[in-house]
Amino acid sequence: MKEYEKHYQVGNIIRIREEPPRPKISGFYLNTEHVIQTPPNGKLNTGLGVWVKNNQNKIRLLRYQYWIWTGKTTQIKRVRKNVIT
């Protein structure tokens, strides 16, 4: 992993530094903190955008120009879906 890729790993905490367009609909408000989540199937967390849960508890893509990494991390509990026992 390259040094510049470390800030968009799953479990890192980011802060909204600029409100995206239509903040009420997108669910991202200025100076709120969000945790980077595992992206949906076929998607990636990259330098262009990361997948985070918004204030309505939905996973949405947030473009890089709207957030900054706080330097803090947290543990994400992995939920296994479709497990046949």
PDB file of N, CA and C in Angstrom:
ATOM      1  N   MET A   1       0.839  -1.178   0.000  1.00  0.00           N
ATOM      2  CA  MET A   1       0.000   0.000   0.000  1.00  0.00           C
ATOM      3  C   MET A   1       0.886   1.243   0.000  1.00  0.00           C
ATOM      4  N   LYS A   2       0.530   2.170  -0.832  1.00  0.00           N
ATOM      5  CA  LYS A   2       1.306   3.401  -0.933  1.00  0.00           C
ATOM      6  C   LYS A   2       0.936   4.339   0.215  1.00  0.00           C
ATOM      7  N   GLU A   3       1.832   5.246   0.564  1.00  0.00           N
ATOM      8  CA  GLU A   3       1.635   6.134   1.705  1.00  0.00           C
ATOM      9  C   GLU A   3       0.389   6.996   1.560  1.00  0.00           C
ATOM     10  N   TYR A   4       0.123   7.497   0.372  1.00  0.00           N
ATOM     11  CA  TYR A   4      -1.030   8.382   0.193  1.00  0.00           C
ATOM     12  C   TYR A   4      -2.355   7.625   0.206  1.00  0.00           C
ATOM     13  N   GLU A   5      -2.336   6.284   0.126  1.00  0.00           N
ATOM     14  CA  GLU A   5      -3.565   5.497   0.145  1.00  0.00           C
ATOM     15  C   GLU A   5      -4.061   5.200   1.556  1.00  0.00           C
ATOM     16  N   LYS A   6      -3.256   5.472   2.583  1.00  0.00           N
ATOM     17  CA  LYS A   6      -3.614   5.097   3.941  1.00  0.00           C
ATOM     18  C   LYS A   6      -4.790   5.878   4.489  1.00  0.00           C
ATOM     19  N   HIS A   7      -5.056   7.065   4.012  1.00  0.00           N
ATOM     20  CA  HIS A   7      -6.116   7.876   4.600  1.00  0.00           C
ATOM     21  C   HIS A   7      -7.504   7.473   4.133  1.00  0.00           C
ATOM     22  N   TYR A   8      -7.648   6.604   3.150  1.00  0.00           N
ATOM     23  CA  TYR A   8      -8.988   6.155   2.776  1.00  0.00           C
ATOM     24  C   TYR A   8      -9.180   4.663   2.981  1.00  0.00           C
ATOM     25  N   GLN A   9      -8.623   4.133   4.060  1.00  0.00           N
ATOM     26  CA  GLN A   9      -8.842   2.749   4.442  1.00  0.00           C
ATOM     27  C   GLN A   9     -10.147   2.635   5.228  1.00  0.00           C
ATOM     28  N   VAL A  10     -10.746   1.466   5.197  1.00  0.00           N
ATOM     29  CA  VAL A  10     -11.972   1.214   5.954  1.00  0.00           C
ATOM     30  C   VAL A  10     -11.677   1.368   7.442  1.00  0.00           C
ATOM     31  N   GLY A  11     -12.508   2.144   8.123  1.00  0.00           N
ATOM     32  CA  GLY A  11     -12.348   2.369   9.559  1.00  0.00           C
ATOM     33  C   GLY A  11     -11.762   3.723   9.912  1.00  0.00           C
ATOM     34  N   ASN A  12     -11.233   4.445   8.938  1.00  0.00           N
ATOM     35  CA  ASN A  12     -10.713   5.786   9.216  1.00  0.00           C
ATOM     36  C   ASN A  12     -11.863   6.769   9.380  1.00  0.00           C
ATOM     37  N   ILE A  13     -11.647   7.759  10.235  1.00  0.00           N
ATOM     38  CA  ILE A  13     -12.671   8.765  10.504  1.00  0.00           C
ATOM     39  C   ILE A  13     -12.335  10.019   9.705  1.00  0.00           C
ATOM     40  N   ILE A  14     -13.332  10.530   8.977  1.00  0.00           N
ATOM     41  CA  ILE A  14     -13.144  11.744   8.186  1.00  0.00           C
ATOM     42  C   ILE A  14     -14.090  12.832   8.692  1.00  0.00           C
ATOM     43  N   ARG A  15     -13.744  14.073   8.419  1.00  0.00           N
ATOM     44  CA  ARG A  15     -14.573  15.215   8.799  1.00  0.00           C
ATOM     45  C   ARG A  15     -14.963  15.973   7.538  1.00  0.00           C
ATOM     46  N   ILE A  16     -16.216  16.400   7.478  1.00  0.00           N
ATOM     47  CA  ILE A  16     -16.706  17.171   6.342  1.00  0.00           C
ATOM     48  C   ILE A  16     -16.172  18.594   6.476  1.00  0.00           C
ATOM     49  N   ARG A  17     -15.382  19.035   5.503  1.00  0.00           N
ATOM     50  CA  ARG A  17     -14.801  20.376   5.566  1.00  0.00           C
ATOM     51  C   ARG A  17     -15.546  21.373   4.695  1.00  0.00           C
ATOM     52  N   GLU A  18     -16.366  20.869   3.788  1.00  0.00           N
ATOM     53  CA  GLU A  18     -17.170  21.726   2.909  1.00  0.00           C
ATOM     54  C   GLU A  18     -18.460  20.978   2.607  1.00  0.00           C
ATOM     55  N   GLU A  19     -19.592  21.644   2.782  1.00  0.00           N
ATOM     56  CA  GLU A  19     -20.862  20.969   2.546  1.00  0.00           C
ATOM     57  C   GLU A  19     -21.048  20.653   1.068  1.00  0.00           C
ATOM     58  N   PRO A  20     -21.410  19.410   0.763  1.00  0.00           N
ATOM     59  CA  PRO A  20     -21.712  19.080  -0.624  1.00  0.00           C
ATOM     60  C   PRO A  20     -23.006  19.761  -1.057  1.00  0.00           C
ATOM     61  N   PRO A  21     -23.279  19.809  -2.343  1.00  0.00           N
ATOM     62  CA  PRO A  21     -24.544  20.384  -2.801  1.00  0.00           C
ATOM     63  C   PRO A  21     -25.727  19.616  -2.201  1.00  0.00           C
ATOM     64  N   ARG A  22     -26.775  20.320  -1.860  1.00  0.00           N
ATOM     65  CA  ARG A  22     -27.984  19.760  -1.263  1.00  0.00           C
ATOM     66  C   ARG A  22     -27.669  18.898  -0.033  1.00  0.00           C
ATOM     67  N   PRO A  23     -27.145  19.502   1.034  1.00  0.00           N
ATOM     68  CA  PRO A  23     -26.735  18.717   2.206  1.00  0.00           C
ATOM     69  C   PRO A  23     -27.886  17.985   2.884  1.00  0.00           C
ATOM     70  N   LYS A  24     -29.092  18.510   2.821  1.00  0.00           N
ATOM     71  CA  LYS A  24     -30.223  17.840   3.452  1.00  0.00           C
ATOM     72  C   LYS A  24     -30.523  16.512   2.768  1.00  0.00           C
ATOM     73  N   ILE A  25     -30.414  16.488   1.455  1.00  0.00           N
ATOM     74  CA  ILE A  25     -30.693  15.264   0.693  1.00  0.00           C
ATOM     75  C   ILE A  25     -29.525  14.281   0.797  1.00  0.00           C
ATOM     76  N   SER A  26     -28.290  14.787   0.681  1.00  0.00           N
ATOM     77  CA  SER A  26     -27.128  13.902   0.726  1.00  0.00           C
ATOM     78  C   SER A  26     -26.848  13.388   2.135  1.00  0.00           C
ATOM     79  N   GLY A  27     -27.213  14.159   3.171  1.00  0.00           N
ATOM     80  CA  GLY A  27     -27.012  13.715   4.546  1.00  0.00           C
ATOM     81  C   GLY A  27     -25.651  14.038   5.111  1.00  0.00           C
ATOM     82  N   PHE A  28     -24.914  14.960   4.508  1.00  0.00           N
ATOM     83  CA  PHE A  28     -23.588  15.349   4.989  1.00  0.00           C
ATOM     84  C   PHE A  28     -23.596  16.828   5.344  1.00  0.00           C
ATOM     85  N   TYR A  29     -23.310  17.143   6.610  1.00  0.00           N
ATOM     86  CA  TYR A  29     -23.296  18.523   7.083  1.00  0.00           C
ATOM     87  C   TYR A  29     -21.886  18.923   7.491  1.00  0.00           C
ATOM     88  N   LEU A  30     -21.623  20.211   7.494  1.00  0.00           N
ATOM     89  CA  LEU A  30     -20.312  20.766   7.801  1.00  0.00           C
ATOM     90  C   LEU A  30     -19.846  20.347   9.194  1.00  0.00           C
ATOM     91  N   ASN A  31     -18.574  19.943   9.302  1.00  0.00           N
ATOM     92  CA  ASN A  31     -17.888  19.558  10.546  1.00  0.00           C
ATOM     93  C   ASN A  31     -18.448  18.310  11.210  1.00  0.00           C
ATOM     94  N   THR A  32     -19.202  17.481  10.516  1.00  0.00           N
ATOM     95  CA  THR A  32     -19.615  16.203  11.087  1.00  0.00           C
ATOM     96  C   THR A  32     -18.576  15.148  10.747  1.00  0.00           C
ATOM     97  N   GLU A  33     -18.434  14.152  11.618  1.00  0.00           N
ATOM     98  CA  GLU A  33     -17.461  13.091  11.398  1.00  0.00           C
ATOM     99  C   GLU A  33     -18.175  11.822  10.961  1.00  0.00           C
ATOM    100  N   HIS A  34     -17.551  11.102  10.034  1.00  0.00           N
ATOM    101  CA  HIS A  34     -18.101   9.871   9.483  1.00  0.00           C
ATOM    102  C   HIS A  34     -16.988   8.843   9.383  1.00  0.00           C
ATOM    103  N   VAL A  35     -17.344   7.561   9.429  1.00  0.00           N
ATOM    104  CA  VAL A  35     -16.390   6.461   9.323  1.00  0.00           C
ATOM    105  C   VAL A  35     -16.453   5.879   7.925  1.00  0.00           C
ATOM    106  N   ILE A  36     -15.287   5.666   7.321  1.00  0.00           N
ATOM    107  CA  ILE A  36     -15.224   5.057   5.988  1.00  0.00           C
ATOM    108  C   ILE A  36     -15.662   3.602   6.096  1.00  0.00           C
ATOM    109  N   GLN A  37     -16.599   3.206   5.252  1.00  0.00           N
ATOM    110  CA  GLN A  37     -17.208   1.879   5.279  1.00  0.00           C
ATOM    111  C   GLN A  37     -16.696   1.018   4.119  1.00  0.00           C
ATOM    112  N   THR A  38     -16.982  -0.270   4.202  1.00  0.00           N
ATOM    113  CA  THR A  38     -16.702  -1.180   3.093  1.00  0.00           C
ATOM    114  C   THR A  38     -17.633  -0.813   1.942  1.00  0.00           C
ATOM    115  N   PRO A  39     -17.101  -0.589   0.747  1.00  0.00           N
ATOM    116  CA  PRO A  39     -17.961  -0.174  -0.375  1.00  0.00           C
ATOM    117  C   PRO A  39     -18.865  -1.298  -0.858  1.00  0.00           C
ATOM    118  N   PRO A  40     -19.945  -0.937  -1.558  1.00  0.00           N
ATOM    119  CA  PRO A  40     -20.811  -1.967  -2.151  1.00  0.00           C
ATOM    120  C   PRO A  40     -20.047  -2.794  -3.189  1.00  0.00           C
ATOM    121  N   ASN A  41     -20.633  -3.909  -3.578  1.00  0.00           N
ATOM    122  CA  ASN A  41     -19.987  -4.793  -4.558  1.00  0.00           C
ATOM    123  C   ASN A  41     -19.675  -4.038  -5.843  1.00  0.00           C
ATOM    124  N   GLY A  42     -18.459  -4.216  -6.345  1.00  0.00           N
ATOM    125  CA  GLY A  42     -18.058  -3.592  -7.598  1.00  0.00           C
ATOM    126  C   GLY A  42     -17.564  -2.169  -7.449  1.00  0.00           C
ATOM    127  N   LYS A  43     -17.514  -1.631  -6.245  1.00  0.00           N
ATOM    128  CA  LYS A  43     -17.062  -0.254  -6.003  1.00  0.00           C
ATOM    129  C   LYS A  43     -15.784  -0.271  -5.176  1.00  0.00           C
ATOM    130  N   LEU A  44     -15.060   0.861  -5.144  1.00  0.00           N
ATOM    131  CA  LEU A  44     -13.812   0.971  -4.404  1.00  0.00           C
ATOM    132  C   LEU A  44     -13.752   2.271  -3.616  1.00  0.00           C
ATOM    133  N   ASN A  45     -12.998   2.262  -2.511  1.00  0.00           N
ATOM    134  CA  ASN A  45     -12.620   3.492  -1.833  1.00  0.00           C
ATOM    135  C   ASN A  45     -11.327   3.965  -2.483  1.00  0.00           C
ATOM    136  N   THR A  46     -11.366   5.103  -3.150  1.00  0.00           N
ATOM    137  CA  THR A  46     -10.197   5.602  -3.865  1.00  0.00           C
ATOM    138  C   THR A  46      -9.974   7.065  -3.521  1.00  0.00           C
ATOM    139  N   GLY A  47      -8.985   7.654  -4.153  1.00  0.00           N
ATOM    140  CA  GLY A  47      -8.722   9.069  -3.966  1.00  0.00           C
ATOM    141  C   GLY A  47      -9.818   9.952  -4.533  1.00  0.00           C
ATOM    142  N   LEU A  48     -10.632   9.441  -5.435  1.00  0.00           N
ATOM    143  CA  LEU A  48     -11.727  10.234  -5.997  1.00  0.00           C
ATOM    144  C   LEU A  48     -12.919  10.323  -5.065  1.00  0.00           C
ATOM    145  N   GLY A  49     -13.122   9.322  -4.252  1.00  0.00           N
ATOM    146  CA  GLY A  49     -14.255   9.335  -3.333  1.00  0.00           C
ATOM    147  C   GLY A  49     -14.240   8.120  -2.431  1.00  0.00           C
ATOM    148  N   VAL A  50     -14.864   8.264  -1.268  1.00  0.00           N
ATOM    149  CA  VAL A  50     -14.946   7.163  -0.313  1.00  0.00           C
ATOM    150  C   VAL A  50     -16.409   6.906   0.029  1.00  0.00           C
ATOM    151  N   TRP A  51     -16.687   5.702   0.487  1.00  0.00           N
ATOM    152  CA  TRP A  51     -18.041   5.301   0.859  1.00  0.00           C
ATOM    153  C   TRP A  51     -18.181   5.436   2.360  1.00  0.00           C
ATOM    154  N   VAL A  52     -19.126   6.269   2.799  1.00  0.00           N
ATOM    155  CA  VAL A  52     -19.369   6.498   4.219  1.00  0.00           C
ATOM    156  C   VAL A  52     -20.872   6.459   4.489  1.00  0.00           C
ATOM    157  N   LYS A  53     -21.228   6.240   5.764  1.00  0.00           N
ATOM    158  CA  LYS A  53     -22.634   6.321   6.150  1.00  0.00           C
ATOM    159  C   LYS A  53     -22.960   7.771   6.427  1.00  0.00           C
ATOM    160  N   ASN A  54     -24.054   8.247   5.863  1.00  0.00           N
ATOM    161  CA  ASN A  54     -24.453   9.634   6.083  1.00  0.00           C
ATOM    162  C   ASN A  54     -25.298   9.730   7.348  1.00  0.00           C
ATOM    163  N   ASN A  55     -25.861  10.898   7.613  1.00  0.00           N
ATOM    164  CA  ASN A  55     -26.657  11.110   8.817  1.00  0.00           C
ATOM    165  C   ASN A  55     -27.955  10.311   8.810  1.00  0.00           C
ATOM    166  N   GLN A  56     -28.399   9.851   7.644  1.00  0.00           N
ATOM    167  CA  GLN A  56     -29.597   9.020   7.547  1.00  0.00           C
ATOM    168  C   GLN A  56     -29.260   7.527   7.587  1.00  0.00           C
ATOM    169  N   ASN A  57     -27.998   7.212   7.917  1.00  0.00           N
ATOM    170  CA  ASN A  57     -27.499   5.841   8.067  1.00  0.00           C
ATOM    171  C   ASN A  57     -27.536   5.049   6.765  1.00  0.00           C
ATOM    172  N   LYS A  58     -27.340   5.718   5.630  1.00  0.00           N
ATOM    173  CA  LYS A  58     -27.230   5.070   4.324  1.00  0.00           C
ATOM    174  C   LYS A  58     -25.796   5.210   3.842  1.00  0.00           C
ATOM    175  N   ILE A  59     -25.281   4.188   3.155  1.00  0.00           N
ATOM    176  CA  ILE A  59     -23.925   4.254   2.617  1.00  0.00           C
ATOM    177  C   ILE A  59     -23.970   5.031   1.310  1.00  0.00           C
ATOM    178  N   ARG A  60     -23.191   6.131   1.255  1.00  0.00           N
ATOM    179  CA  ARG A  60     -23.170   6.998   0.071  1.00  0.00           C
ATOM    180  C   ARG A  60     -21.725   7.329  -0.273  1.00  0.00           C
ATOM    181  N   LEU A  61     -21.516   7.672  -1.537  1.00  0.00           N
ATOM    182  CA  LEU A  61     -20.198   8.090  -2.001  1.00  0.00           C
ATOM    183  C   LEU A  61     -19.998   9.570  -1.672  1.00  0.00           C
ATOM    184  N   LEU A  62     -18.829   9.896  -1.115  1.00  0.00           N
ATOM    185  CA  LEU A  62     -18.493  11.276  -0.799  1.00  0.00           C
ATOM    186  C   LEU A  62     -17.210  11.630  -1.538  1.00  0.00           C
ATOM    187  N   ARG A  63     -17.270  12.634  -2.387  1.00  0.00           N
ATOM    188  CA  ARG A  63     -16.120  13.046  -3.206  1.00  0.00           C
ATOM    189  C   ARG A  63     -15.014  13.644  -2.338  1.00  0.00           C
ATOM    190  N   TYR A  64     -13.781  13.565  -2.821  1.00  0.00           N
ATOM    191  CA  TYR A  64     -12.604  13.942  -2.035  1.00  0.00           C
ATOM    192  C   TYR A  64     -12.558  15.412  -1.651  1.00  0.00           C
ATOM    193  N   GLN A  65     -13.149  16.298  -2.430  1.00  0.00           N
ATOM    194  CA  GLN A  65     -13.026  17.729  -2.143  1.00  0.00           C
ATOM    195  C   GLN A  65     -13.874  18.152  -0.950  1.00  0.00           C
ATOM    196  N   TYR A  66     -14.732  17.281  -0.437  1.00  0.00           N
ATOM    197  CA  TYR A  66     -15.627  17.646   0.660  1.00  0.00           C
ATOM    198  C   TYR A  66     -15.156  17.156   2.026  1.00  0.00           C
ATOM    199  N   TRP A  67     -14.121  16.315   2.105  1.00  0.00           N
ATOM    200  CA  TRP A  67     -13.714  15.777   3.390  1.00  0.00           C
ATOM    201  C   TRP A  67     -12.217  15.880   3.603  1.00  0.00           C
ATOM    202  N   ILE A  68     -11.823  15.711   4.866  1.00  0.00           N
ATOM    203  CA  ILE A  68     -10.413  15.674   5.252  1.00  0.00           C
ATOM    204  C   ILE A  68     -10.258  14.587   6.307  1.00  0.00           C
ATOM    205  N   TRP A  69      -9.141  13.876   6.265  1.00  0.00           N
ATOM    206  CA  TRP A  69      -8.900  12.803   7.222  1.00  0.00           C
ATOM    207  C   TRP A  69      -8.495  13.405   8.546  1.00  0.00           C
ATOM    208  N   THR A  70      -9.086  12.928   9.640  1.00  0.00           N
ATOM    209  CA  THR A  70      -8.804  13.469  10.972  1.00  0.00           C
ATOM    210  C   THR A  70      -7.580  12.826  11.599  1.00  0.00           C
ATOM    211  N   GLY A  71      -7.116  11.709  11.068  1.00  0.00           N
ATOM    212  CA  GLY A  71      -5.984  10.993  11.644  1.00  0.00           C
ATOM    213  C   GLY A  71      -6.420   9.950  12.663  1.00  0.00           C
ATOM    214  N   LYS A  72      -7.734   9.841  12.891  1.00  0.00           N
ATOM    215  CA  LYS A  72      -8.261   8.869  13.848  1.00  0.00           C
ATOM    216  C   LYS A  72      -8.824   7.667  13.098  1.00  0.00           C
ATOM    217  N   THR A  73      -8.801   6.522  13.780  1.00  0.00           N
ATOM    218  CA  THR A  73      -9.367   5.303  13.199  1.00  0.00           C
ATOM    219  C   THR A  73     -10.268   4.628  14.221  1.00  0.00           C
ATOM    220  N   THR A  74     -11.087   3.723  13.757  1.00  0.00           N
ATOM    221  CA  THR A  74     -11.957   2.928  14.605  1.00  0.00           C
ATOM    222  C   THR A  74     -12.059   1.532  14.007  1.00  0.00           C
ATOM    223  N   GLN A  75     -12.534   0.582  14.793  1.00  0.00           N
ATOM    224  CA  GLN A  75     -12.711  -0.782  14.307  1.00  0.00           C
ATOM    225  C   GLN A  75     -14.100  -0.916  13.703  1.00  0.00           C
ATOM    226  N   ILE A  76     -14.194  -1.552  12.556  1.00  0.00           N
ATOM    227  CA  ILE A  76     -15.462  -1.828  11.890  1.00  0.00           C
ATOM    228  C   ILE A  76     -15.804  -3.291  12.140  1.00  0.00           C
ATOM    229  N   LYS A  77     -17.013  -3.548  12.633  1.00  0.00           N
ATOM    230  CA  LYS A  77     -17.461  -4.922  12.806  1.00  0.00           C
ATOM    231  C   LYS A  77     -17.892  -5.458  11.454  1.00  0.00           C
ATOM    232  N   ARG A  78     -17.337  -6.564  11.064  1.00  0.00           N
ATOM    233  CA  ARG A  78     -17.676  -7.181   9.784  1.00  0.00           C
ATOM    234  C   ARG A  78     -18.921  -8.040   9.962  1.00  0.00           C
ATOM    235  N   VAL A  79     -19.896  -7.848   9.112  1.00  0.00           N
ATOM    236  CA  VAL A  79     -21.123  -8.642   9.137  1.00  0.00           C
ATOM    237  C   VAL A  79     -21.108  -9.537   7.917  1.00  0.00           C
ATOM    238  N   ARG A  80     -21.194 -10.825   8.158  1.00  0.00           N
ATOM    239  CA  ARG A  80     -21.206 -11.765   7.045  1.00  0.00           C
ATOM    240  C   ARG A  80     -22.640 -11.999   6.625  1.00  0.00           C
ATOM    241  N   LYS A  81     -22.928 -11.787   5.356  1.00  0.00           N
ATOM    242  CA  LYS A  81     -24.281 -11.968   4.838  1.00  0.00           C
ATOM    243  C   LYS A  81     -24.371 -13.287   4.104  1.00  0.00           C
ATOM    244  N   ASN A  82     -25.582 -13.799   4.050  1.00  0.00           N
ATOM    245  CA  ASN A  82     -25.892 -15.026   3.308  1.00  0.00           C
ATOM    246  C   ASN A  82     -25.047 -16.206   3.764  1.00  0.00           C
ATOM    247  N   VAL A  83     -24.908 -16.351   5.075  1.00  0.00           N
ATOM    248  CA  VAL A  83     -24.160 -17.488   5.622  1.00  0.00           C
ATOM    249  C   VAL A  83     -25.125 -18.653   5.814  1.00  0.00           C
ATOM    250  N   ILE A  84     -24.822 -19.764   5.208  1.00  0.00           N
ATOM    251  CA  ILE A  84     -25.648 -20.957   5.330  1.00  0.00           C
ATOM    252  C   ILE A  84     -25.058 -21.824   6.423  1.00  0.00           C
ATOM    253  N   THR A  85     -25.889 -22.152   7.408  1.00  0.00           N
ATOM    254  CA  THR A  85     -25.392 -22.981   8.515  1.00  0.00           C
ATOM    255  C   THR A  85     -25.967 -24.362   8.459  1.00  0.00           C
TER     256      THR A  85
END
